[in-house]
PDB file of N, CA and C in Angstrom:
ATOM      1  N   MET A   1       3.179  81.279 -74.607  1.00  0.00           N
ATOM      2  CA  MET A   1       3.487  82.133 -75.634  1.00  0.00           C
ATOM      3  C   MET A   1       4.283  81.500 -76.783  1.00  0.00           C
ATOM      4  N   SER A   2       3.591  80.836 -77.589  1.00  0.00           N
ATOM      5  CA  SER A   2       4.284  80.181 -78.667  1.00  0.00           C
ATOM      6  C   SER A   2       4.682  81.112 -79.780  1.00  0.00           C
ATOM      7  N   ALA A   3       5.741  80.784 -80.292  1.00  0.00           N
ATOM      8  CA  ALA A   3       6.271  81.657 -81.425  1.00  0.00           C
ATOM      9  C   ALA A   3       5.374  81.714 -82.541  1.00  0.00           C
ATOM     10  N   LYS A   4       4.648  80.604 -82.744  1.00  0.00           N
ATOM     11  CA  LYS A   4       3.591  80.598 -83.741  1.00  0.00           C
ATOM     12  C   LYS A   4       2.441  81.687 -83.536  1.00  0.00           C
ATOM     13  N   ARG A   5       1.996  81.641 -82.260  1.00  0.00           N
ATOM     14  CA  ARG A   5       0.877  82.676 -81.933  1.00  0.00           C
ATOM     15  C   ARG A   5       1.453  84.087 -82.056  1.00  0.00           C
ATOM     16  N   VAL A   6       2.727  84.266 -81.629  1.00  0.00           N
ATOM     17  CA  VAL A   6       3.276  85.611 -81.761  1.00  0.00           C
ATOM     18  C   VAL A   6       3.350  86.046 -83.274  1.00  0.00           C
ATOM     19  N   ARG A   7       3.775  85.109 -84.121  1.00  0.00           N
ATOM     20  CA  ARG A   7       3.807  85.478 -85.522  1.00  0.00           C
ATOM     21  C   ARG A   7       2.455  85.797 -86.113  1.00  0.00           C
ATOM     22  N   GLU A   8       1.360  85.101 -85.676  1.00  0.00           N
ATOM     23  CA  GLU A   8       0.053  85.502 -86.071  1.00  0.00           C
ATOM     24  C   GLU A   8      -0.268  86.898 -85.562  1.00  0.00           C
ATOM     25  N   TYR A   9       0.017  87.148 -84.275  1.00  0.00           N
ATOM     26  CA  TYR A   9      -0.363  88.371 -83.672  1.00  0.00           C
ATOM     27  C   TYR A   9       0.338  89.661 -84.282  1.00  0.00           C
ATOM     28  N   VAL A  10       1.642  89.447 -84.690  1.00  0.00           N
ATOM     29  CA  VAL A  10       2.321  90.647 -85.210  1.00  0.00           C
ATOM     30  C   VAL A  10       1.723  91.134 -86.610  1.00  0.00           C
ATOM     31  N   LYS A  11       1.033  90.244 -87.182  1.00  0.00           N
ATOM     32  CA  LYS A  11       0.517  90.581 -88.482  1.00  0.00           C
ATOM     33  C   LYS A  11      -0.600  91.704 -88.283  1.00  0.00           C
ATOM     34  N   ILE A  12      -1.183  91.798 -87.228  1.00  0.00           N
ATOM     35  CA  ILE A  12      -2.199  92.802 -87.010  1.00  0.00           C
ATOM     36  C   ILE A  12      -1.594  94.095 -86.430  1.00  0.00           C
ATOM     37  N   LEU A  13      -0.301  94.159 -86.157  1.00  0.00           N
ATOM     38  CA  LEU A  13       0.377  95.412 -85.619  1.00  0.00           C
ATOM     39  C   LEU A  13       0.338  96.485 -86.624  1.00  0.00           C
ATOM     40  N   PRO A  14       0.284  97.691 -86.259  1.00  0.00           N
ATOM     41  CA  PRO A  14       0.437  98.871 -87.115  1.00  0.00           C
ATOM     42  C   PRO A  14       1.671  98.892 -87.888  1.00  0.00           C
ATOM     43  N   LYS A  15       1.718  99.308 -89.135  1.00  0.00           N
ATOM     44  CA  LYS A  15       2.880  99.272 -89.970  1.00  0.00           C
ATOM     45  C   LYS A  15       3.720 100.681 -89.862  1.00  0.00           C
ATOM     46  N   THR A  16       3.848 101.083 -88.569  1.00  0.00           N
ATOM     47  CA  THR A  16       4.618 102.192 -88.338  1.00  0.00           C
ATOM     48  C   THR A  16       6.097 101.752 -88.109  1.00  0.00           C
ATOM     49  N   ILE A  17       6.957 102.743 -87.987  1.00  0.00           N
ATOM     50  CA  ILE A  17       8.469 102.393 -87.719  1.00  0.00           C
ATOM     51  C   ILE A  17       8.499 101.645 -86.417  1.00  0.00           C
ATOM     52  N   ALA A  18       7.806 102.172 -85.416  1.00  0.00           N
ATOM     53  CA  ALA A  18       7.873 101.507 -84.091  1.00  0.00           C
ATOM     54  C   ALA A  18       7.215 100.107 -84.119  1.00  0.00           C
ATOM     55  N   GLY A  19       6.086 100.077 -84.761  1.00  0.00           N
ATOM     56  CA  GLY A  19       5.400  98.730 -84.825  1.00  0.00           C
ATOM     57  C   GLY A  19       6.096  97.705 -85.655  1.00  0.00           C
ATOM     58  N   ILE A  20       6.864  98.091 -86.674  1.00  0.00           N
ATOM     59  CA  ILE A  20       7.657  97.157 -87.374  1.00  0.00           C
ATOM     60  C   ILE A  20       8.842  96.668 -86.525  1.00  0.00           C
ATOM     61  N   GLU A  21       9.514  97.630 -85.900  1.00  0.00           N
ATOM     62  CA  GLU A  21      10.664  97.297 -85.062  1.00  0.00           C
ATOM     63  C   GLU A  21      10.272  96.405 -83.877  1.00  0.00           C
ATOM     64  N   ASP A  22       9.182  96.827 -83.205  1.00  0.00           N
ATOM     65  CA  ASP A  22       8.679  96.014 -82.107  1.00  0.00           C
ATOM     66  C   ASP A  22       8.302  94.531 -82.543  1.00  0.00           C
ATOM     67  N   ALA A  23       7.734  94.417 -83.757  1.00  0.00           N
ATOM     68  CA  ALA A  23       7.238  93.196 -84.237  1.00  0.00           C
ATOM     69  C   ALA A  23       8.530  92.279 -84.499  1.00  0.00           C
ATOM     70  N   ARG A  24       9.568  92.970 -85.116  1.00  0.00           N
ATOM     71  CA  ARG A  24      10.809  92.239 -85.499  1.00  0.00           C
ATOM     72  C   ARG A  24      11.488  91.751 -84.169  1.00  0.00           C
ATOM     73  N   GLN A  25      11.516  92.553 -83.216  1.00  0.00           N
ATOM     74  CA  GLN A  25      12.238  92.099 -81.915  1.00  0.00           C
ATOM     75  C   GLN A  25      11.411  91.022 -81.246  1.00  0.00           C
ATOM     76  N   LEU A  26      10.022  91.252 -81.218  1.00  0.00           N
ATOM     77  CA  LEU A  26       9.190  90.267 -80.523  1.00  0.00           C
ATOM     78  C   LEU A  26       9.288  88.861 -81.204  1.00  0.00           C
ATOM     79  N   VAL A  27       9.215  88.853 -82.565  1.00  0.00           N
ATOM     80  CA  VAL A  27       9.419  87.605 -83.247  1.00  0.00           C
ATOM     81  C   VAL A  27      10.663  86.979 -82.931  1.00  0.00           C
ATOM     82  N   ARG A  28      11.746  87.711 -82.871  1.00  0.00           N
ATOM     83  CA  ARG A  28      13.117  87.144 -82.550  1.00  0.00           C
ATOM     84  C   ARG A  28      13.154  86.567 -81.159  1.00  0.00           C
ATOM     85  N   SER A  29      12.731  87.365 -80.179  1.00  0.00           N
ATOM     86  CA  SER A  29      12.771  86.820 -78.854  1.00  0.00           C
ATOM     87  C   SER A  29      11.855  85.665 -78.444  1.00  0.00           C
ATOM     88  N   SER A  30      10.726  85.730 -79.031  1.00  0.00           N
ATOM     89  CA  SER A  30       9.712  84.598 -78.806  1.00  0.00           C
ATOM     90  C   SER A  30      10.217  83.413 -79.467  1.00  0.00           C
ATOM     91  N   GLY A  31      10.763  83.343 -80.601  1.00  0.00           N
ATOM     92  CA  GLY A  31      11.370  82.271 -81.304  1.00  0.00           C
ATOM     93  C   GLY A  31      12.600  81.708 -80.491  1.00  0.00           C
ATOM     94  N   SER A  32      13.306  82.600 -79.908  1.00  0.00           N
ATOM     95  CA  SER A  32      14.442  82.152 -79.163  1.00  0.00           C
ATOM     96  C   SER A  32      14.117  81.385 -77.854  1.00  0.00           C
ATOM     97  N   VAL A  33      12.905  81.748 -77.295  1.00  0.00           N
ATOM     98  CA  VAL A  33      12.446  81.025 -76.095  1.00  0.00           C
ATOM     99  C   VAL A  33      12.397  79.517 -76.382  1.00  0.00           C
ATOM    100  N   GLY A  34      11.653  79.192 -77.377  1.00  0.00           N
ATOM    101  CA  GLY A  34      11.429  77.782 -77.814  1.00  0.00           C
ATOM    102  C   GLY A  34      12.709  77.126 -78.263  1.00  0.00           C
ATOM    103  N   ALA A  35      13.449  77.927 -79.078  1.00  0.00           N
ATOM    104  CA  ALA A  35      14.722  77.168 -79.603  1.00  0.00           C
ATOM    105  C   ALA A  35      15.696  76.872 -78.509  1.00  0.00           C
ATOM    106  N   ASN A  36      15.822  77.719 -77.480  1.00  0.00           N
ATOM    107  CA  ASN A  36      16.711  77.477 -76.365  1.00  0.00           C
ATOM    108  C   ASN A  36      16.136  76.341 -75.518  1.00  0.00           C
ATOM    109  N   ASP A  37      14.877  76.269 -75.377  1.00  0.00           N
ATOM    110  CA  ASP A  37      14.282  75.281 -74.530  1.00  0.00           C
ATOM    111  C   ASP A  37      14.532  73.913 -75.192  1.00  0.00           C
ATOM    112  N   ILE A  38      14.467  73.837 -76.470  1.00  0.00           N
ATOM    113  CA  ILE A  38      14.776  72.619 -77.272  1.00  0.00           C
ATOM    114  C   ILE A  38      16.299  72.223 -77.050  1.00  0.00           C
ATOM    115  N   GLU A  39      17.141  73.285 -77.160  1.00  0.00           N
ATOM    116  CA  GLU A  39      18.573  73.072 -76.978  1.00  0.00           C
ATOM    117  C   GLU A  39      18.820  72.609 -75.513  1.00  0.00           C
ATOM    118  N   ALA A  40      18.069  73.069 -74.576  1.00  0.00           N
ATOM    119  CA  ALA A  40      18.368  72.626 -73.160  1.00  0.00           C
ATOM    120  C   ALA A  40      18.021  71.085 -72.969  1.00  0.00           C
ATOM    121  N   GLU A  41      16.939  70.671 -73.759  1.00  0.00           N
ATOM    122  CA  GLU A  41      16.546  69.234 -73.602  1.00  0.00           C
ATOM    123  C   GLU A  41      17.579  68.487 -74.241  1.00  0.00           C
ATOM    124  N   GLU A  42      18.264  68.983 -75.222  1.00  0.00           N
ATOM    125  CA  GLU A  42      19.423  68.170 -75.917  1.00  0.00           C
ATOM    126  C   GLU A  42      20.740  68.456 -75.363  1.00  0.00           C
ATOM    127  N   SER A  43      20.818  69.147 -74.230  1.00  0.00           N
ATOM    128  CA  SER A  43      22.234  69.581 -73.764  1.00  0.00           C
ATOM    129  C   SER A  43      23.011  68.418 -73.433  1.00  0.00           C
ATOM    130  N   LEU A  44      24.327  68.611 -73.524  1.00  0.00           N
ATOM    131  CA  LEU A  44      25.325  67.542 -73.309  1.00  0.00           C
ATOM    132  C   LEU A  44      25.932  67.604 -71.865  1.00  0.00           C
ATOM    133  N   SER A  45      25.575  68.759 -71.245  1.00  0.00           N
ATOM    134  CA  SER A  45      26.123  68.877 -69.882  1.00  0.00           C
ATOM    135  C   SER A  45      25.160  69.627 -69.001  1.00  0.00           C
ATOM    136  N   LYS A  46      25.308  69.448 -67.676  1.00  0.00           N
ATOM    137  CA  LYS A  46      24.405  70.183 -66.696  1.00  0.00           C
ATOM    138  C   LYS A  46      24.579  71.725 -66.906  1.00  0.00           C
ATOM    139  N   LYS A  47      25.848  72.239 -67.107  1.00  0.00           N
ATOM    140  CA  LYS A  47      26.170  73.646 -67.282  1.00  0.00           C
ATOM    141  C   LYS A  47      25.425  74.139 -68.605  1.00  0.00           C
ATOM    142  N   ASP A  48      25.546  73.356 -69.646  1.00  0.00           N
ATOM    143  CA  ASP A  48      24.828  73.820 -70.886  1.00  0.00           C
ATOM    144  C   ASP A  48      23.293  73.878 -70.703  1.00  0.00           C
ATOM    145  N   PHE A  49      22.759  72.816 -69.930  1.00  0.00           N
ATOM    146  CA  PHE A  49      21.365  72.868 -69.758  1.00  0.00           C
ATOM    147  C   PHE A  49      20.922  74.125 -68.984  1.00  0.00           C
ATOM    148  N   LEU A  50      21.622  74.412 -67.841  1.00  0.00           N
ATOM    149  CA  LEU A  50      21.286  75.609 -67.126  1.00  0.00           C
ATOM    150  C   LEU A  50      21.497  76.986 -67.943  1.00  0.00           C
ATOM    151  N   THR A  51      22.482  77.002 -68.788  1.00  0.00           N
ATOM    152  CA  THR A  51      22.662  78.115 -69.548  1.00  0.00           C
ATOM    153  C   THR A  51      21.566  78.301 -70.564  1.00  0.00           C
ATOM    154  N   ARG A  52      21.160  77.271 -71.133  1.00  0.00           N
ATOM    155  CA  ARG A  52      19.990  77.359 -72.183  1.00  0.00           C
ATOM    156  C   ARG A  52      18.667  77.783 -71.513  1.00  0.00           C
ATOM    157  N   ILE A  53      18.508  77.244 -70.335  1.00  0.00           N
ATOM    158  CA  ILE A  53      17.176  77.594 -69.523  1.00  0.00           C
ATOM    159  C   ILE A  53      17.231  79.094 -69.160  1.00  0.00           C
ATOM    160  N   LYS A  54      18.394  79.481 -68.744  1.00  0.00           N
ATOM    161  CA  LYS A  54      18.590  80.983 -68.420  1.00  0.00           C
ATOM    162  C   LYS A  54      18.277  81.888 -69.612  1.00  0.00           C
ATOM    163  N   ILE A  55      18.745  81.351 -70.782  1.00  0.00           N
ATOM    164  CA  ILE A  55      18.613  82.173 -72.048  1.00  0.00           C
ATOM    165  C   ILE A  55      17.077  82.196 -72.288  1.00  0.00           C
ATOM    166  N   SER A  56      16.395  81.087 -72.199  1.00  0.00           N
ATOM    167  CA  SER A  56      14.997  80.951 -72.448  1.00  0.00           C
ATOM    168  C   SER A  56      14.235  81.957 -71.516  1.00  0.00           C
ATOM    169  N   ARG A  57      14.677  81.960 -70.105  1.00  0.00           N
ATOM    170  CA  ARG A  57      13.934  82.938 -69.268  1.00  0.00           C
ATOM    171  C   ARG A  57      14.261  84.302 -69.648  1.00  0.00           C
ATOM    172  N   LYS A  58      15.434  84.627 -70.052  1.00  0.00           N
ATOM    173  CA  LYS A  58      15.790  85.967 -70.485  1.00  0.00           C
ATOM    174  C   LYS A  58      14.966  86.384 -71.705  1.00  0.00           C
ATOM    175  N   GLU A  59      14.853  85.498 -72.633  1.00  0.00           N
ATOM    176  CA  GLU A  59      14.088  85.766 -73.863  1.00  0.00           C
ATOM    177  C   GLU A  59      12.599  85.927 -73.642  1.00  0.00           C
ATOM    178  N   ALA A  60      12.077  85.173 -72.734  1.00  0.00           N
ATOM    179  CA  ALA A  60      10.638  85.286 -72.248  1.00  0.00           C
ATOM    180  C   ALA A  60      10.444  86.605 -71.634  1.00  0.00           C
ATOM    181  N   LYS A  61      11.308  87.125 -70.820  1.00  0.00           N
ATOM    182  CA  LYS A  61      11.213  88.428 -70.172  1.00  0.00           C
ATOM    183  C   LYS A  61      11.285  89.525 -71.259  1.00  0.00           C
ATOM    184  N   GLU A  62      12.166  89.352 -72.222  1.00  0.00           N
ATOM    185  CA  GLU A  62      12.231  90.420 -73.336  1.00  0.00           C
ATOM    186  C   GLU A  62      10.936  90.320 -74.097  1.00  0.00           C
ATOM    187  N   SER A  63      10.377  89.250 -74.354  1.00  0.00           N
ATOM    188  CA  SER A  63       9.131  89.064 -75.117  1.00  0.00           C
ATOM    189  C   SER A  63       8.071  89.896 -74.377  1.00  0.00           C
ATOM    190  N   GLN A  64       7.917  89.674 -73.103  1.00  0.00           N
ATOM    191  CA  GLN A  64       6.968  90.306 -72.227  1.00  0.00           C
ATOM    192  C   GLN A  64       7.118  91.816 -72.336  1.00  0.00           C
ATOM    193  N   TYR A  65       8.308  92.284 -72.197  1.00  0.00           N
ATOM    194  CA  TYR A  65       8.594  93.667 -72.359  1.00  0.00           C
ATOM    195  C   TYR A  65       8.155  94.328 -73.675  1.00  0.00           C
ATOM    196  N   ARG A  66       8.526  93.601 -74.713  1.00  0.00           N
ATOM    197  CA  ARG A  66       8.124  94.095 -76.009  1.00  0.00           C
ATOM    198  C   ARG A  66       6.619  94.072 -76.191  1.00  0.00           C
ATOM    199  N   LEU A  67       6.018  93.082 -75.712  1.00  0.00           N
ATOM    200  CA  LEU A  67       4.454  93.094 -75.794  1.00  0.00           C
ATOM    201  C   LEU A  67       3.950  94.251 -75.021  1.00  0.00           C
ATOM    202  N   GLU A  68       4.513  94.483 -73.864  1.00  0.00           N
ATOM    203  CA  GLU A  68       4.020  95.655 -73.107  1.00  0.00           C
ATOM    204  C   GLU A  68       4.221  97.022 -73.792  1.00  0.00           C
ATOM    205  N   LEU A  69       5.202  97.178 -74.626  1.00  0.00           N
ATOM    206  CA  LEU A  69       5.482  98.392 -75.517  1.00  0.00           C
ATOM    207  C   LEU A  69       4.454  98.607 -76.565  1.00  0.00           C
ATOM    208  N   ILE A  70       3.920  97.580 -77.054  1.00  0.00           N
ATOM    209  CA  ILE A  70       3.190  97.621 -78.304  1.00  0.00           C
ATOM    210  C   ILE A  70       1.822  98.279 -77.994  1.00  0.00           C
ATOM    211  N   ASP A  71       1.538  99.232 -78.882  1.00  0.00           N
ATOM    212  CA  ASP A  71       0.210  99.951 -78.732  1.00  0.00           C
ATOM    213  C   ASP A  71      -0.572  99.310 -79.915  1.00  0.00           C
ATOM    214  N   VAL A  72      -1.744  98.682 -79.470  1.00  0.00           N
ATOM    215  CA  VAL A  72      -2.544  98.029 -80.440  1.00  0.00           C
ATOM    216  C   VAL A  72      -3.989  98.600 -80.454  1.00  0.00           C
ATOM    217  N   ARG A  73      -4.724  98.244 -81.455  1.00  0.00           N
ATOM    218  CA  ARG A  73      -6.151  98.491 -81.526  1.00  0.00           C
ATOM    219  C   ARG A  73      -6.871  97.873 -80.331  1.00  0.00           C
ATOM    220  N   LYS A  74      -8.109  98.285 -80.036  1.00  0.00           N
ATOM    221  CA  LYS A  74      -8.751  97.733 -78.892  1.00  0.00           C
ATOM    222  C   LYS A  74      -9.120  96.299 -79.163  1.00  0.00           C
ATOM    223  N   ASP A  75      -9.366  95.959 -80.362  1.00  0.00           N
ATOM    224  CA  ASP A  75      -9.789  94.553 -80.534  1.00  0.00           C
ATOM    225  C   ASP A  75      -8.687  93.601 -80.451  1.00  0.00           C
ATOM    226  N   ALA A  76      -7.487  94.007 -80.364  1.00  0.00           N
ATOM    227  CA  ALA A  76      -6.224  93.154 -80.249  1.00  0.00           C
ATOM    228  C   ALA A  76      -5.627  93.120 -78.775  1.00  0.00           C
ATOM    229  N   ILE A  77      -6.264  93.929 -77.799  1.00  0.00           N
ATOM    230  CA  ILE A  77      -5.835  94.016 -76.512  1.00  0.00           C
ATOM    231  C   ILE A  77      -5.881  92.633 -75.849  1.00  0.00           C
ATOM    232  N   ASN A  78      -6.878  91.953 -75.910  1.00  0.00           N
ATOM    233  CA  ASN A  78      -7.009  90.695 -75.290  1.00  0.00           C
ATOM    234  C   ASN A  78      -5.979  89.652 -75.619  1.00  0.00           C
ATOM    235  N   GLU A  79      -5.669  89.563 -76.885  1.00  0.00           N
ATOM    236  CA  GLU A  79      -4.608  88.611 -77.354  1.00  0.00           C
ATOM    237  C   GLU A  79      -3.274  89.043 -76.838  1.00  0.00           C
ATOM    238  N   ARG A  80      -2.942  90.455 -76.908  1.00  0.00           N
ATOM    239  CA  ARG A  80      -1.738  90.899 -76.359  1.00  0.00           C
ATOM    240  C   ARG A  80      -1.598  90.640 -74.900  1.00  0.00           C
ATOM    241  N   ASP A  81      -2.655  90.819 -74.106  1.00  0.00           N
ATOM    242  CA  ASP A  81      -2.669  90.581 -72.625  1.00  0.00           C
ATOM    243  C   ASP A  81      -2.412  89.078 -72.372  1.00  0.00           C
ATOM    244  N   ALA A  82      -3.018  88.189 -73.130  1.00  0.00           N
ATOM    245  CA  ALA A  82      -2.746  86.785 -73.044  1.00  0.00           C
ATOM    246  C   ALA A  82      -1.416  86.316 -73.221  1.00  0.00           C
ATOM    247  N   LEU A  83      -0.824  86.973 -74.321  1.00  0.00           N
ATOM    248  CA  LEU A  83       0.649  86.665 -74.624  1.00  0.00           C
ATOM    249  C   LEU A  83       1.495  87.240 -73.512  1.00  0.00           C
ATOM    250  N   ILE A  84       1.197  88.389 -72.967  1.00  0.00           N
ATOM    251  CA  ILE A  84       2.018  88.911 -71.870  1.00  0.00           C
ATOM    252  C   ILE A  84       1.927  88.055 -70.675  1.00  0.00           C
ATOM    253  N   GLN A  85       0.647  87.519 -70.315  1.00  0.00           N
ATOM    254  CA  GLN A  85       0.603  86.612 -69.196  1.00  0.00           C
ATOM    255  C   GLN A  85       1.400  85.347 -69.496  1.00  0.00           C
ATOM    256  N   GLU A  86       1.219  84.851 -70.631  1.00  0.00           N
ATOM    257  CA  GLU A  86       2.019  83.570 -70.921  1.00  0.00           C
ATOM    258  C   GLU A  86       3.477  83.747 -70.844  1.00  0.00           C
ATOM    259  N   ALA A  87       3.932  84.879 -71.361  1.00  0.00           N
ATOM    260  CA  ALA A  87       5.442  85.079 -71.204  1.00  0.00           C
ATOM    261  C   ALA A  87       5.852  85.227 -69.694  1.00  0.00           C
ATOM    262  N   GLY A  88       4.950  85.893 -68.894  1.00  0.00           N
ATOM    263  CA  GLY A  88       5.228  85.869 -67.481  1.00  0.00           C
ATOM    264  C   GLY A  88       5.366  84.609 -66.867  1.00  0.00           C
ATOM    265  N   GLU A  89       4.410  83.721 -67.283  1.00  0.00           N
ATOM    266  CA  GLU A  89       4.249  82.377 -66.669  1.00  0.00           C
ATOM    267  C   GLU A  89       5.547  81.562 -67.104  1.00  0.00           C
ATOM    268  N   LEU A  90       5.967  81.725 -68.340  1.00  0.00           N
ATOM    269  CA  LEU A  90       7.212  80.981 -68.837  1.00  0.00           C
ATOM    270  C   LEU A  90       8.408  81.484 -67.993  1.00  0.00           C
ATOM    271  N   THR A  91       8.493  82.832 -67.769  1.00  0.00           N
ATOM    272  CA  THR A  91       9.678  83.383 -67.052  1.00  0.00           C
ATOM    273  C   THR A  91       9.690  82.720 -65.601  1.00  0.00           C
ATOM    274  N   LYS A  92       8.525  82.549 -64.950  1.00  0.00           N
ATOM    275  CA  LYS A  92       8.428  81.919 -63.651  1.00  0.00           C
ATOM    276  C   LYS A  92       8.882  80.489 -63.705  1.00  0.00           C
ATOM    277  N   ILE A  93       8.352  79.792 -64.754  1.00  0.00           N
ATOM    278  CA  ILE A  93       8.680  78.344 -64.836  1.00  0.00           C
ATOM    279  C   ILE A  93      10.105  78.188 -65.143  1.00  0.00           C
ATOM    280  N   PHE A  94      10.725  78.935 -66.019  1.00  0.00           N
ATOM    281  CA  PHE A  94      12.155  78.789 -66.264  1.00  0.00           C
ATOM    282  C   PHE A  94      13.035  79.150 -65.012  1.00  0.00           C
ATOM    283  N   GLY A  95      12.459  80.215 -64.246  1.00  0.00           N
ATOM    284  CA  GLY A  95      13.274  80.599 -63.030  1.00  0.00           C
ATOM    285  C   GLY A  95      13.225  79.478 -62.113  1.00  0.00           C
ATOM    286  N   SER A  96      12.010  78.703 -61.973  1.00  0.00           N
ATOM    287  CA  SER A  96      11.912  77.627 -60.977  1.00  0.00           C
ATOM    288  C   SER A  96      12.799  76.552 -61.406  1.00  0.00           C
ATOM    289  N   ILE A  97      12.887  76.243 -62.697  1.00  0.00           N
ATOM    290  CA  ILE A  97      13.812  75.168 -63.211  1.00  0.00           C
ATOM    291  C   ILE A  97      15.260  75.441 -62.785  1.00  0.00           C
ATOM    292  N   VAL A  98      15.698  76.728 -62.950  1.00  0.00           N
ATOM    293  CA  VAL A  98      17.013  77.252 -62.626  1.00  0.00           C
ATOM    294  C   VAL A  98      17.177  76.957 -61.111  1.00  0.00           C
ATOM    295  N   GLN A  99      16.390  77.416 -60.338  1.00  0.00           N
ATOM    296  CA  GLN A  99      16.537  77.341 -58.854  1.00  0.00           C
ATOM    297  C   GLN A  99      16.614  75.811 -58.486  1.00  0.00           C
ATOM    298  N   LYS A 100      15.697  74.974 -58.940  1.00  0.00           N
ATOM    299  CA  LYS A 100      15.623  73.590 -58.469  1.00  0.00           C
ATOM    300  C   LYS A 100      16.946  72.912 -59.060  1.00  0.00           C
ATOM    301  N   SER A 101      17.307  73.261 -60.226  1.00  0.00           N
ATOM    302  CA  SER A 101      18.573  72.594 -60.829  1.00  0.00           C
ATOM    303  C   SER A 101      19.758  72.922 -59.974  1.00  0.00           C
ATOM    304  N   LYS A 102      19.922  74.252 -59.553  1.00  0.00           N
ATOM    305  CA  LYS A 102      20.968  74.558 -58.699  1.00  0.00           C
ATOM    306  C   LYS A 102      20.957  73.908 -57.341  1.00  0.00           C
ATOM    307  N   GLN A 103      19.774  73.778 -56.768  1.00  0.00           N
ATOM    308  CA  GLN A 103      19.696  73.054 -55.535  1.00  0.00           C
ATOM    309  C   GLN A 103      19.993  71.619 -55.673  1.00  0.00           C
ATOM    310  N   PHE A 104      19.679  70.935 -56.776  1.00  0.00           N
ATOM    311  CA  PHE A 104      19.925  69.563 -57.061  1.00  0.00           C
ATOM    312  C   PHE A 104      21.414  69.453 -57.222  1.00  0.00           C
ATOM    313  N   PHE A 105      22.156  70.258 -58.047  1.00  0.00           N
ATOM    314  CA  PHE A 105      23.545  70.175 -58.252  1.00  0.00           C
ATOM    315  C   PHE A 105      24.350  70.344 -56.972  1.00  0.00           C
ATOM    316  N   ILE A 106      23.759  71.265 -56.132  1.00  0.00           N
ATOM    317  CA  ILE A 106      24.448  71.483 -54.794  1.00  0.00           C
ATOM    318  C   ILE A 106      24.363  70.219 -53.919  1.00  0.00           C
ATOM    319  N   SER A 107      23.175  69.638 -53.813  1.00  0.00           N
ATOM    320  CA  SER A 107      23.018  68.491 -52.942  1.00  0.00           C
ATOM    321  C   SER A 107      23.633  67.241 -53.655  1.00  0.00           C
ATOM    322  N   TYR A 108      23.578  67.149 -54.887  1.00  0.00           N
ATOM    323  CA  TYR A 108      24.106  65.988 -55.597  1.00  0.00           C
ATOM    324  C   TYR A 108      25.643  65.899 -55.392  1.00  0.00           C
ATOM    325  N   PHE A 109      26.311  67.018 -55.414  1.00  0.00           N
ATOM    326  CA  PHE A 109      27.828  66.990 -55.335  1.00  0.00           C
ATOM    327  C   PHE A 109      28.364  67.097 -53.937  1.00  0.00           C
ATOM    328  N   ARG A 110      27.513  67.291 -52.894  1.00  0.00           N
ATOM    329  CA  ARG A 110      27.896  67.073 -51.531  1.00  0.00           C
ATOM    330  C   ARG A 110      27.901  65.655 -51.104  1.00  0.00           C
ATOM    331  N   PHE A 111      28.992  65.307 -50.510  1.00  0.00           N
ATOM    332  CA  PHE A 111      29.094  63.842 -50.191  1.00  0.00           C
ATOM    333  C   PHE A 111      28.820  63.569 -48.770  1.00  0.00           C
TER     334      PHE A 111
END
C-alpha cells in the first residue's frame, strides 16, 4: 500500500463530507507508514527503531480501517480491496519485525 497508490485512489472517491474526511485521513495515515519506515531505517538507537516500526504498524492498521469504511463505486472495489490486503500484509510484516527485534534484544543482552 504505497502512499502514491493511495493518493491516486482517493481521487475517485465521492466528494461527500464523509468521502473527503476519509480521504484526508487515509492520505495522512498511508503517508505516515512509509515516512516512519524510512525513519526506522535511519534510527540512531534500537529503541527508536522499534518505536518507528510500531508507529508504521499502527498507521498501516489505521489505513486498513479507513479503507474498509470507504463506500466506493463498483468499479473501484477491486483497487480498494487490493489496498486493504496490502495494508494488512504490512501490519503483519511490521508486527513480525517488532517480535523478532524484541527476541533479538532479549537474547543479545543476556550473558
